[in-house]
Amino acid sequence: MNKFLLLTIMLFFSISLQAKSPSQGIAIYKQSINIHASLPKSQAALKAMIPEFQYMQLKISFKNNLLRMETMPPADKPKGNGIMVMTSVDNENTVLNVSDKLLTQYGTVMDIDYLYKQNLGTENIFKFVDEVKTIYGYSCKKAIDEENDFTIWYQQDSSLVIVPSRDFVNIPGLVVKVEGPQISYDLLSLTEGVVDEALFAIPEGHKEISYEQFQDLQEEAMEELLGSQGTNSKMIKSHVKKL
């Protein structure tokens, strides 16, 4: 009888742990870009003409140590005033293997269907701080990226590794909040659900290029696009960090 009771208790805790850490599902992040912070003080007049922040939503589908990252434009996009704020010009799809630290991105830029792979390495640049804080209902630990001035809050005791950006692939858990001088992230929701394996498949027929070649292509496409938009757009673009 005691053995049966013990097995029942162990099964209960096993199910409880699985419920706390879903093996697959979708995480939604809010990305905030401080456009004013990317502009020099000499462009105060330009700052007055554009909103201080640009917001996007990021959809992260996760399953078996794989993350599929997609950008979702905001539904309430503010009305423009002839000034464009550019962060990228390609139609990209990103798959991140958080176990192997391998990023694969494919999409279309300059009418080229491209694909590149980037080994993000195992070097850990984060300083982990013995500090705990509750954020959005999650008990979080603190990590600091001193080089890029990021403060990262991630769920402690999490078997999930979910990050809103390649920059945080070495954070050992669910990233809940990232605070930075120009770019910040907030976890809006984490939903358990079945994720189709095909979502992480890499398509055939794309031209494989290096990361440096991709950067050159995107820069060329951005210059071509902004060249027809006026000098104000070019000034903003030249100071916006590539995400």
C-alpha atoms as a PDB file:
ATOM      1  CA  MET A   1       0.000   0.000   0.000  1.00  0.00           C
ATOM      2  CA  ASN A   2       2.815   2.385   0.886  1.00  0.00           C
ATOM      3  CA  LYS A   3       4.580   1.595  -2.395  1.00  0.00           C
ATOM      4  CA  PHE A   4       1.403   2.395  -4.341  1.00  0.00           C
ATOM      5  CA  LEU A   5       1.037   5.699  -2.478  1.00  0.00           C
ATOM      6  CA  LEU A   6       4.648   6.600  -3.211  1.00  0.00           C
ATOM      7  CA  LEU A   7       4.210   5.893  -6.931  1.00  0.00           C
ATOM      8  CA  THR A   8       1.052   8.020  -6.983  1.00  0.00           C
ATOM      9  CA  ILE A   9       2.866  10.963  -5.366  1.00  0.00           C
ATOM     10  CA  MET A  10       5.792  10.657  -7.780  1.00  0.00           C
ATOM     11  CA  LEU A  11       3.404  10.603 -10.755  1.00  0.00           C
ATOM     12  CA  PHE A  12       1.607  13.693  -9.447  1.00  0.00           C
ATOM     13  CA  PHE A  13       4.826  15.685  -9.118  1.00  0.00           C
ATOM     14  CA  SER A  14       5.980  14.515 -12.547  1.00  0.00           C
ATOM     15  CA  ILE A  15       2.774  15.794 -14.143  1.00  0.00           C
ATOM     16  CA  SER A  16       3.020  19.061 -12.181  1.00  0.00           C
ATOM     17  CA  LEU A  17       6.554  19.706 -13.400  1.00  0.00           C
ATOM     18  CA  GLN A  18       5.538  19.032 -16.983  1.00  0.00           C
ATOM     19  CA  ALA A  19       2.670  21.492 -16.646  1.00  0.00           C
ATOM     20  CA  LYS A  20       5.034  24.206 -15.392  1.00  0.00           C
ATOM     21  CA  SER A  21       7.455  23.680 -18.279  1.00  0.00           C
ATOM     22  CA  PRO A  22       5.616  22.980 -21.545  1.00  0.00           C
ATOM     23  CA  SER A  23       7.709  21.103 -24.080  1.00  0.00           C
ATOM     24  CA  GLN A  24       6.253  22.989 -27.023  1.00  0.00           C
ATOM     25  CA  GLY A  25       4.159  26.057 -27.673  1.00  0.00           C
ATOM     26  CA  ILE A  26       4.354  29.749 -28.526  1.00  0.00           C
ATOM     27  CA  ALA A  27       5.893  32.721 -26.729  1.00  0.00           C
ATOM     28  CA  ILE A  28       4.992  36.283 -27.689  1.00  0.00           C
ATOM     29  CA  TYR A  29       7.417  39.136 -26.960  1.00  0.00           C
ATOM     30  CA  LYS A  30       7.066  42.880 -27.300  1.00  0.00           C
ATOM     31  CA  GLN A  31      10.144  44.508 -28.815  1.00  0.00           C
ATOM     32  CA  SER A  32      10.668  48.211 -28.073  1.00  0.00           C
ATOM     33  CA  ILE A  33      13.176  50.216 -30.099  1.00  0.00           C
ATOM     34  CA  ASN A  34      14.123  53.635 -28.765  1.00  0.00           C
ATOM     35  CA  ILE A  35      14.611  55.556 -32.014  1.00  0.00           C
ATOM     36  CA  HIS A  36      15.576  58.768 -30.222  1.00  0.00           C
ATOM     37  CA  ALA A  37      18.421  56.953 -28.448  1.00  0.00           C
ATOM     38  CA  SER A  38      19.868  55.989 -31.827  1.00  0.00           C
ATOM     39  CA  LEU A  39      20.030  59.600 -33.023  1.00  0.00           C
ATOM     40  CA  PRO A  40      22.808  62.064 -32.097  1.00  0.00           C
ATOM     41  CA  LYS A  41      22.021  65.147 -30.003  1.00  0.00           C
ATOM     42  CA  SER A  42      22.558  67.339 -33.064  1.00  0.00           C
ATOM     43  CA  GLN A  43      19.329  65.968 -34.584  1.00  0.00           C
ATOM     44  CA  ALA A  44      16.941  67.349 -31.965  1.00  0.00           C
ATOM     45  CA  ALA A  45      14.632  68.738 -34.682  1.00  0.00           C
ATOM     46  CA  LEU A  46      14.333  65.303 -36.249  1.00  0.00           C
ATOM     47  CA  LYS A  47      13.540  63.732 -32.870  1.00  0.00           C
ATOM     48  CA  ALA A  48      10.610  66.124 -32.521  1.00  0.00           C
ATOM     49  CA  MET A  49       9.155  64.849 -35.818  1.00  0.00           C
ATOM     50  CA  ILE A  50       9.130  61.128 -35.023  1.00  0.00           C
ATOM     51  CA  PRO A  51       7.801  59.012 -32.132  1.00  0.00           C
ATOM     52  CA  GLU A  52      10.357  58.106 -29.492  1.00  0.00           C
ATOM     53  CA  PHE A  53       9.639  54.366 -29.648  1.00  0.00           C
ATOM     54  CA  GLN A  54       8.872  51.841 -32.353  1.00  0.00           C
ATOM     55  CA  TYR A  55       7.138  48.651 -31.243  1.00  0.00           C
ATOM     56  CA  MET A  56       6.962  45.192 -32.779  1.00  0.00           C
ATOM     57  CA  GLN A  57       5.749  41.805 -31.615  1.00  0.00           C
ATOM     58  CA  LEU A  58       7.870  38.680 -31.936  1.00  0.00           C
ATOM     59  CA  LYS A  59       6.343  35.211 -32.201  1.00  0.00           C
ATOM     60  CA  ILE A  60       8.624  32.446 -30.914  1.00  0.00           C
ATOM     61  CA  SER A  61       7.434  28.900 -31.657  1.00  0.00           C
ATOM     62  CA  PHE A  62       9.397  26.371 -29.591  1.00  0.00           C
ATOM     63  CA  LYS A  63       9.801  22.586 -29.699  1.00  0.00           C
ATOM     64  CA  ASN A  64      12.677  20.184 -28.925  1.00  0.00           C
ATOM     65  CA  ASN A  65      15.314  22.901 -28.351  1.00  0.00           C
ATOM     66  CA  LEU A  66      14.323  24.615 -31.596  1.00  0.00           C
ATOM     67  CA  LEU A  67      12.976  28.160 -31.831  1.00  0.00           C
ATOM     68  CA  ARG A  68      11.239  29.616 -34.868  1.00  0.00           C
ATOM     69  CA  MET A  69      11.334  33.429 -34.745  1.00  0.00           C
ATOM     70  CA  GLU A  70       8.849  35.558 -36.658  1.00  0.00           C
ATOM     71  CA  THR A  71       8.212  39.288 -36.632  1.00  0.00           C
ATOM     72  CA  MET A  72       4.605  40.456 -36.278  1.00  0.00           C
ATOM     73  CA  PRO A  73       3.901  44.093 -37.282  1.00  0.00           C
ATOM     74  CA  PRO A  74       1.775  45.969 -34.724  1.00  0.00           C
ATOM     75  CA  ALA A  75      -1.927  46.215 -35.517  1.00  0.00           C
ATOM     76  CA  ASP A  76      -2.071  49.892 -34.468  1.00  0.00           C
ATOM     77  CA  LYS A  77       0.708  51.140 -36.718  1.00  0.00           C
ATOM     78  CA  PRO A  78       1.054  54.921 -36.250  1.00  0.00           C
ATOM     79  CA  LYS A  79       0.396  57.207 -39.175  1.00  0.00           C
ATOM     80  CA  GLY A  80       3.530  58.256 -41.002  1.00  0.00           C
ATOM     81  CA  ASN A  81       4.714  61.776 -41.753  1.00  0.00           C
ATOM     82  CA  GLY A  82       6.944  61.011 -44.698  1.00  0.00           C
ATOM     83  CA  ILE A  83       9.814  59.842 -42.489  1.00  0.00           C
ATOM     84  CA  MET A  84      10.779  56.169 -42.511  1.00  0.00           C
ATOM     85  CA  VAL A  85      12.562  54.302 -39.730  1.00  0.00           C
ATOM     86  CA  MET A  86      14.274  51.260 -41.188  1.00  0.00           C
ATOM     87  CA  THR A  87      15.692  48.317 -39.213  1.00  0.00           C
ATOM     88  CA  SER A  88      15.693  45.705 -42.010  1.00  0.00           C
ATOM     89  CA  VAL A  89      14.433  45.294 -45.559  1.00  0.00           C
ATOM     90  CA  ASP A  90      14.397  41.547 -46.082  1.00  0.00           C
ATOM     91  CA  ASN A  91      11.653  38.965 -45.639  1.00  0.00           C
ATOM     92  CA  GLU A  92      13.373  36.712 -43.132  1.00  0.00           C
ATOM     93  CA  ASN A  93      12.699  33.438 -41.348  1.00  0.00           C
ATOM     94  CA  THR A  94      14.906  32.449 -38.429  1.00  0.00           C
ATOM     95  CA  VAL A  95      15.358  29.024 -36.815  1.00  0.00           C
ATOM     96  CA  LEU A  96      17.556  28.842 -33.718  1.00  0.00           C
ATOM     97  CA  ASN A  97      18.852  25.601 -32.226  1.00  0.00           C
ATOM     98  CA  VAL A  98      19.468  26.605 -28.605  1.00  0.00           C
ATOM     99  CA  SER A  99      21.209  23.320 -27.845  1.00  0.00           C
ATOM    100  CA  ASP A 100      23.777  23.506 -30.667  1.00  0.00           C
ATOM    101  CA  LYS A 101      23.862  27.336 -30.613  1.00  0.00           C
ATOM    102  CA  LEU A 102      23.244  27.324 -34.368  1.00  0.00           C
ATOM    103  CA  LEU A 103      21.170  29.954 -36.154  1.00  0.00           C
ATOM    104  CA  THR A 104      19.763  29.408 -39.641  1.00  0.00           C
ATOM    105  CA  GLN A 105      18.099  32.282 -41.462  1.00  0.00           C
ATOM    106  CA  TYR A 106      16.496  32.279 -44.883  1.00  0.00           C
ATOM    107  CA  GLY A 107      14.417  34.734 -46.848  1.00  0.00           C
ATOM    108  CA  THR A 108      14.499  37.084 -49.809  1.00  0.00           C
ATOM    109  CA  VAL A 109      16.552  40.236 -50.263  1.00  0.00           C
ATOM    110  CA  MET A 110      17.424  42.001 -53.533  1.00  0.00           C
ATOM    111  CA  ASP A 111      15.285  39.341 -55.292  1.00  0.00           C
ATOM    112  CA  ILE A 112      17.690  36.672 -54.029  1.00  0.00           C
ATOM    113  CA  ASP A 113      16.346  33.691 -52.091  1.00  0.00           C
ATOM    114  CA  TYR A 114      19.145  33.356 -49.562  1.00  0.00           C
ATOM    115  CA  LEU A 115      20.096  31.090 -46.658  1.00  0.00           C
ATOM    116  CA  TYR A 116      22.910  31.467 -44.169  1.00  0.00           C
ATOM    117  CA  LYS A 117      23.994  29.617 -41.043  1.00  0.00           C
ATOM    118  CA  GLN A 118      25.754  31.198 -38.110  1.00  0.00           C
ATOM    119  CA  ASN A 119      27.467  29.382 -35.241  1.00  0.00           C
ATOM    120  CA  LEU A 120      26.786  31.557 -32.218  1.00  0.00           C
ATOM    121  CA  GLY A 121      29.496  29.836 -30.199  1.00  0.00           C
ATOM    122  CA  THR A 122      29.575  28.718 -26.614  1.00  0.00           C
ATOM    123  CA  GLU A 123      31.429  31.713 -25.153  1.00  0.00           C
ATOM    124  CA  ASN A 124      29.319  33.188 -22.384  1.00  0.00           C
ATOM    125  CA  ILE A 125      29.522  36.984 -22.171  1.00  0.00           C
ATOM    126  CA  PHE A 126      26.952  37.266 -19.377  1.00  0.00           C
ATOM    127  CA  LYS A 127      27.582  38.044 -15.746  1.00  0.00           C
ATOM    128  CA  PHE A 128      25.045  36.185 -13.607  1.00  0.00           C
ATOM    129  CA  VAL A 129      23.926  38.087 -10.516  1.00  0.00           C
ATOM    130  CA  ASP A 130      22.588  36.575  -7.300  1.00  0.00           C
ATOM    131  CA  GLU A 131      19.383  38.607  -7.397  1.00  0.00           C
ATOM    132  CA  VAL A 132      15.778  37.410  -7.648  1.00  0.00           C
ATOM    133  CA  LYS A 133      12.801  39.495  -8.753  1.00  0.00           C
ATOM    134  CA  THR A 134       9.203  38.686  -9.656  1.00  0.00           C
ATOM    135  CA  ILE A 135       8.319  39.985 -13.126  1.00  0.00           C
ATOM    136  CA  TYR A 136       4.976  39.352 -14.821  1.00  0.00           C
ATOM    137  CA  GLY A 137       4.336  36.581 -12.291  1.00  0.00           C
ATOM    138  CA  TYR A 138       7.639  34.784 -12.995  1.00  0.00           C
ATOM    139  CA  SER A 139      10.362  34.378 -10.375  1.00  0.00           C
ATOM    140  CA  CYS A 140      13.393  35.648 -12.266  1.00  0.00           C
ATOM    141  CA  LYS A 141      17.152  35.720 -11.917  1.00  0.00           C
ATOM    142  CA  LYS A 142      19.320  38.502 -13.262  1.00  0.00           C
ATOM    143  CA  ALA A 143      22.071  38.467 -15.886  1.00  0.00           C
ATOM    144  CA  ILE A 144      24.084  41.381 -17.264  1.00  0.00           C
ATOM    145  CA  ASP A 145      25.717  41.888 -20.650  1.00  0.00           C
ATOM    146  CA  GLU A 146      28.152  44.663 -19.760  1.00  0.00           C
ATOM    147  CA  GLU A 147      29.541  44.976 -23.288  1.00  0.00           C
ATOM    148  CA  ASN A 148      26.157  45.802 -24.853  1.00  0.00           C
ATOM    149  CA  ASP A 149      24.575  47.306 -21.707  1.00  0.00           C
ATOM    150  CA  PHE A 150      21.743  44.755 -21.427  1.00  0.00           C
ATOM    151  CA  THR A 151      20.065  43.602 -18.213  1.00  0.00           C
ATOM    152  CA  ILE A 152      18.306  40.259 -18.694  1.00  0.00           C
ATOM    153  CA  TRP A 153      15.714  38.743 -16.376  1.00  0.00           C
ATOM    154  CA  TYR A 154      15.049  35.038 -16.894  1.00  0.00           C
ATOM    155  CA  GLN A 155      12.871  32.494 -15.125  1.00  0.00           C
ATOM    156  CA  GLN A 156      14.836  30.485 -12.640  1.00  0.00           C
ATOM    157  CA  ASP A 157      14.288  26.718 -12.336  1.00  0.00           C
ATOM    158  CA  SER A 158      13.041  26.594 -15.930  1.00  0.00           C
ATOM    159  CA  SER A 159      13.811  23.650 -18.207  1.00  0.00           C
ATOM    160  CA  LEU A 160      12.905  25.857 -21.167  1.00  0.00           C
ATOM    161  CA  VAL A 161      15.423  27.950 -23.080  1.00  0.00           C
ATOM    162  CA  ILE A 162      13.404  30.583 -24.921  1.00  0.00           C
ATOM    163  CA  VAL A 163      14.992  33.842 -26.036  1.00  0.00           C
ATOM    164  CA  PRO A 164      13.671  36.780 -28.103  1.00  0.00           C
ATOM    165  CA  SER A 165      16.956  37.270 -29.953  1.00  0.00           C
ATOM    166  CA  ARG A 166      20.113  35.410 -30.969  1.00  0.00           C
ATOM    167  CA  ASP A 167      22.023  37.711 -28.617  1.00  0.00           C
ATOM    168  CA  PHE A 168      20.684  35.847 -25.570  1.00  0.00           C
ATOM    169  CA  VAL A 169      21.167  32.237 -26.658  1.00  0.00           C
ATOM    170  CA  ASN A 170      23.451  31.549 -23.669  1.00  0.00           C
ATOM    171  CA  ILE A 171      20.840  32.561 -21.107  1.00  0.00           C
ATOM    172  CA  PRO A 172      19.899  29.282 -19.328  1.00  0.00           C
ATOM    173  CA  GLY A 173      16.133  29.628 -19.162  1.00  0.00           C
ATOM    174  CA  LEU A 174      13.035  31.488 -20.241  1.00  0.00           C
ATOM    175  CA  VAL A 175      13.849  35.140 -20.895  1.00  0.00           C
ATOM    176  CA  VAL A 176      11.090  37.264 -19.366  1.00  0.00           C
ATOM    177  CA  LYS A 177      12.462  40.785 -19.757  1.00  0.00           C
ATOM    178  CA  VAL A 178      15.443  42.505 -21.369  1.00  0.00           C
ATOM    179  CA  GLU A 179      16.323  46.112 -20.571  1.00  0.00           C
ATOM    180  CA  GLY A 180      18.654  47.985 -22.903  1.00  0.00           C
ATOM    181  CA  PRO A 181      19.409  51.600 -23.838  1.00  0.00           C
ATOM    182  CA  GLN A 182      18.050  51.170 -27.369  1.00  0.00           C
ATOM    183  CA  ILE A 183      16.308  47.777 -27.586  1.00  0.00           C
ATOM    184  CA  SER A 184      14.155  46.116 -24.927  1.00  0.00           C
ATOM    185  CA  TYR A 185      11.990  42.986 -24.806  1.00  0.00           C
ATOM    186  CA  ASP A 186       9.010  41.973 -22.665  1.00  0.00           C
ATOM    187  CA  LEU A 187       7.381  38.535 -22.538  1.00  0.00           C
ATOM    188  CA  LEU A 188       3.658  39.053 -23.205  1.00  0.00           C
ATOM    189  CA  SER A 189       2.466  35.439 -23.159  1.00  0.00           C
ATOM    190  CA  LEU A 190       3.612  31.808 -23.034  1.00  0.00           C
ATOM    191  CA  THR A 191       1.114  29.301 -24.415  1.00  0.00           C
ATOM    192  CA  GLU A 192       1.415  25.529 -24.478  1.00  0.00           C
ATOM    193  CA  GLY A 193       0.256  23.861 -27.681  1.00  0.00           C
ATOM    194  CA  VAL A 194       1.190  21.454 -30.436  1.00  0.00           C
ATOM    195  CA  VAL A 195       3.728  22.959 -32.856  1.00  0.00           C
ATOM    196  CA  ASP A 196       4.087  21.473 -36.325  1.00  0.00           C
ATOM    197  CA  GLU A 197       7.570  20.009 -36.906  1.00  0.00           C
ATOM    198  CA  ALA A 198       7.485  21.367 -40.464  1.00  0.00           C
ATOM    199  CA  LEU A 199       7.701  24.886 -39.050  1.00  0.00           C
ATOM    200  CA  PHE A 200      11.394  24.313 -38.314  1.00  0.00           C
ATOM    201  CA  ALA A 201      12.235  22.737 -41.685  1.00  0.00           C
ATOM    202  CA  ILE A 202      14.745  24.597 -43.856  1.00  0.00           C
ATOM    203  CA  PRO A 203      13.514  24.949 -47.474  1.00  0.00           C
ATOM    204  CA  GLU A 204      15.524  23.765 -50.441  1.00  0.00           C
ATOM    205  CA  GLY A 205      16.480  25.919 -53.417  1.00  0.00           C
ATOM    206  CA  HIS A 206      17.826  28.892 -51.478  1.00  0.00           C
ATOM    207  CA  LYS A 207      21.315  30.175 -52.254  1.00  0.00           C
ATOM    208  CA  GLU A 208      23.597  29.568 -49.265  1.00  0.00           C
ATOM    209  CA  ILE A 209      25.724  32.598 -48.462  1.00  0.00           C
ATOM    210  CA  SER A 210      27.886  33.757 -45.576  1.00  0.00           C
ATOM    211  CA  TYR A 211      26.638  36.074 -42.853  1.00  0.00           C
ATOM    212  CA  GLU A 212      28.957  38.788 -44.182  1.00  0.00           C
ATOM    213  CA  GLN A 213      27.468  38.424 -47.689  1.00  0.00           C
ATOM    214  CA  PHE A 214      23.974  38.702 -46.205  1.00  0.00           C
ATOM    215  CA  GLN A 215      24.939  41.924 -44.427  1.00  0.00           C
ATOM    216  CA  ASP A 216      26.284  43.348 -47.688  1.00  0.00           C
ATOM    217  CA  LEU A 217      23.087  42.431 -49.536  1.00  0.00           C
ATOM    218  CA  GLN A 218      20.873  43.979 -46.887  1.00  0.00           C
ATOM    219  CA  GLU A 219      22.954  47.153 -46.785  1.00  0.00           C
ATOM    220  CA  GLU A 220      22.735  47.450 -50.560  1.00  0.00           C
ATOM    221  CA  ALA A 221      18.968  46.906 -50.510  1.00  0.00           C
ATOM    222  CA  MET A 222      18.495  49.442 -47.721  1.00  0.00           C
ATOM    223  CA  GLU A 223      20.558  52.083 -49.513  1.00  0.00           C
ATOM    224  CA  GLU A 224      18.585  51.522 -52.710  1.00  0.00           C
ATOM    225  CA  LEU A 225      15.257  51.796 -50.894  1.00  0.00           C
ATOM    226  CA  LEU A 226      16.153  54.807 -48.785  1.00  0.00           C
ATOM    227  CA  GLY A 227      17.727  56.578 -51.741  1.00  0.00           C
ATOM    228  CA  SER A 228      14.234  57.251 -53.058  1.00  0.00           C
ATOM    229  CA  GLN A 229      12.812  58.294 -49.665  1.00  0.00           C
ATOM    230  CA  GLY A 230      14.719  61.498 -48.930  1.00  0.00           C
ATOM    231  CA  THR A 231      17.570  62.458 -46.608  1.00  0.00           C
ATOM    232  CA  ASN A 232      15.587  62.271 -43.338  1.00  0.00           C
ATOM    233  CA  SER A 233      15.127  58.516 -43.718  1.00  0.00           C
ATOM    234  CA  LYS A 234      18.808  58.052 -44.471  1.00  0.00           C
ATOM    235  CA  MET A 235      19.820  59.920 -41.334  1.00  0.00           C
ATOM    236  CA  ILE A 236      17.633  57.692 -39.152  1.00  0.00           C
ATOM    237  CA  LYS A 237      18.738  54.507 -40.833  1.00  0.00           C
ATOM    238  CA  SER A 238      22.438  55.270 -40.459  1.00  0.00           C
ATOM    239  CA  HIS A 239      22.186  55.243 -36.671  1.00  0.00           C
ATOM    240  CA  VAL A 240      19.774  52.375 -36.104  1.00  0.00           C
ATOM    241  CA  LYS A 241      21.443  49.218 -34.849  1.00  0.00           C
ATOM    242  CA  LYS A 242      20.977  46.156 -37.060  1.00  0.00           C
ATOM    243  CA  LEU A 243      18.765  43.738 -35.113  1.00  0.00           C
END
